[in-house]
Protein backbone atom coordinates (compact mmCIF):
# COMPACT_ATOMS: atom_id res chain seq x y z
CA UNK A 1 0.00 0.00 0.00
CA UNK A 2 1.39 3.37 -0.97
CA UNK A 3 0.60 6.49 0.96
CA UNK A 4 0.15 9.67 -1.03
CA UNK A 5 2.90 12.29 -0.55
CA UNK A 6 1.00 14.75 1.61
CA UNK A 7 -1.79 12.43 2.78
CA UNK A 8 -4.24 15.32 2.44
CA UNK A 9 -7.54 15.60 0.70
CA UNK A 10 -8.89 16.31 -1.79
CA UNK A 11 -7.15 13.96 -4.17
CA UNK A 12 -6.85 14.78 -7.86
CA UNK A 13 -7.69 11.90 -10.18
CA UNK A 14 -7.26 11.47 -13.91
CA UNK A 15 -7.43 8.46 -16.14
CA UNK A 16 -8.46 6.70 -19.27
CA UNK A 17 -8.50 3.17 -20.62
CA UNK A 18 -5.84 1.04 -18.83
CA UNK A 19 -4.50 3.77 -16.53
CA UNK A 20 -5.39 6.09 -13.68
CA UNK A 21 -3.45 8.77 -11.84
CA UNK A 22 -3.89 9.74 -8.20
CA UNK A 23 -2.26 13.10 -7.43
CA UNK A 24 -0.05 12.62 -10.49
CA UNK A 25 1.10 9.07 -9.68
CA UNK A 26 0.21 6.74 -12.54
CA UNK A 27 -1.17 3.23 -12.07
CA UNK A 28 -1.79 0.76 -14.88
CA UNK A 29 -3.72 -1.73 -12.78
CA UNK A 30 -6.96 -1.75 -10.83
CA UNK A 31 -6.57 0.13 -7.55
CA UNK A 32 -8.25 0.90 -4.27
CA UNK A 33 -8.03 4.37 -2.78
CA UNK A 34 -8.42 3.97 0.97
CA UNK A 35 -9.95 6.33 3.53
CA UNK A 36 -6.48 7.59 4.56
CA UNK A 37 -5.62 8.46 0.94
CA UNK A 38 -3.28 5.52 0.45
CA UNK A 39 -3.50 3.46 -2.72
CA UNK A 40 -3.25 -0.30 -3.05
CA UNK A 41 -3.67 -2.71 -5.92
CA UNK A 42 -7.13 -4.28 -6.17
CA UNK A 43 -6.93 -7.95 -5.18
CA UNK A 44 -8.83 -9.08 -8.24
CA UNK A 45 -7.64 -12.69 -7.86
CA UNK A 46 -10.02 -13.04 -4.90
CA UNK A 47 -12.94 -12.69 -7.32
CA UNK A 48 -11.65 -15.12 -9.96
CA UNK A 49 -13.97 -17.90 -8.70
CA UNK A 50 -16.89 -15.67 -9.82
CA UNK A 51 -15.44 -15.13 -13.31
CA UNK A 52 -17.78 -15.51 -16.27
CA UNK A 53 -16.27 -15.51 -19.74
CA UNK A 54 -13.49 -12.93 -19.69
CA UNK A 55 -15.12 -10.84 -16.96
CA UNK A 56 -14.11 -10.87 -13.32
CA UNK A 57 -16.72 -9.12 -11.18
CA UNK A 58 -16.17 -7.31 -7.91
CA UNK A 59 -17.07 -9.85 -5.25
CA UNK A 60 -17.59 -9.76 -1.51
CA UNK A 61 -14.22 -11.53 -1.13
CA UNK A 62 -12.50 -8.23 -2.00
CA UNK A 63 -14.48 -6.03 0.38
CA UNK A 64 -13.51 -7.25 3.87
CA UNK A 65 -11.43 -4.10 4.48
CA UNK A 66 -14.56 -1.88 4.47
CA UNK A 67 -15.50 -2.89 8.03
CA UNK A 68 -12.15 -1.59 9.29
CA UNK A 69 -12.13 1.63 7.27
CA UNK A 70 -15.80 2.58 7.73
CA UNK A 71 -16.04 5.00 4.78
CA UNK A 72 -18.88 7.49 4.46
CA UNK A 73 -19.09 6.63 0.77
CA UNK A 74 -17.80 3.91 -1.55
CA UNK A 75 -17.15 4.79 -5.18
CA UNK A 76 -16.90 1.91 -7.63
CA UNK A 77 -15.39 2.63 -11.03
CA UNK A 78 -16.63 -0.26 -13.17
CA UNK A 79 -14.19 0.22 -16.05
CA UNK A 80 -13.89 2.34 -19.15
CA UNK A 81 -17.08 0.82 -20.59
CA UNK A 82 -18.60 0.11 -17.14
CA UNK A 83 -18.50 -3.64 -17.72
CA UNK A 84 -17.38 -4.82 -14.26
CA UNK A 85 -20.39 -6.14 -12.38
CA UNK A 86 -20.88 -6.66 -8.67
CA UNK A 87 -21.77 -10.11 -7.37
CA UNK A 88 -24.95 -10.43 -5.32
CA UNK A 89 -22.75 -11.01 -2.28
CA UNK A 90 -20.88 -7.75 -2.93
CA UNK A 91 -24.15 -5.88 -3.30
CA UNK A 92 -25.33 -7.32 0.01
CA UNK A 93 -22.08 -6.43 1.78
CA UNK A 94 -22.28 -2.87 0.41
CA UNK A 95 -25.89 -2.40 1.56
CA UNK A 96 -24.97 -0.59 4.83
CA UNK A 97 -22.80 1.89 2.91
CA UNK A 98 -23.65 4.73 0.59
CA UNK A 99 -22.14 3.54 -2.66
CA UNK A 100 -22.21 4.52 -6.27
CA UNK A 101 -21.14 2.45 -9.25
CA UNK A 102 -20.52 4.02 -12.65
CA UNK A 103 -17.92 3.97 -15.39
CA UNK A 104 -14.45 4.70 -14.08
CA UNK A 105 -14.34 7.98 -16.01
CA UNK A 106 -17.64 9.06 -14.40
CA UNK A 107 -16.34 8.15 -10.93
CA UNK A 108 -13.11 10.09 -11.55
CA UNK A 109 -15.17 13.14 -12.52
CA UNK A 110 -17.46 12.70 -9.52
CA UNK A 111 -14.62 12.43 -6.99
CA UNK A 112 -12.85 15.44 -8.50
CA UNK A 113 -16.10 17.43 -8.30
CA UNK A 114 -17.31 16.31 -4.85
CA UNK A 115 -13.86 16.34 -3.18
CA UNK A 116 -14.89 13.79 -0.52
CA UNK A 117 -12.68 13.15 2.51
CA UNK A 118 -13.80 9.85 4.10
CA UNK A 119 -14.27 7.53 1.15
CA UNK A 120 -13.05 4.40 -0.53
CA UNK A 121 -12.76 4.13 -4.32
CA UNK A 122 -12.41 0.81 -6.10
CA UNK A 123 -11.23 1.62 -9.61
CA UNK A 124 -11.29 -0.87 -12.49
CA UNK A 125 -9.23 0.50 -15.37
CA UNK A 126 -10.07 -1.97 -18.14
CA UNK A 127 -13.24 -2.93 -20.05
């Protein structure tokens, strides 16, 4: 997990197909932005058992950390074409949280506009 240089909010996001930047640092893999502003790689392999065709959804197996972080809001960037789905288990686990799922570009725009401080963002940078 990498901590952002100043650890302060708001974060500035940018991105397109296959990449995302957080405060200027470029990532070419799916990431999670944590409530403290740190960034870690999304543990997509945990959702491989739920894979259908070429698509790996976001499953409840990847969301255990939410109980510890207790975000006010969870943003889910579902990819460039918004093709990443949530399993039923993930939807159930997210029920107590305010969450929004849209294309990754829409989520980037939303975070940059809203400038939230206590949030988690799960960002899929493909499909």
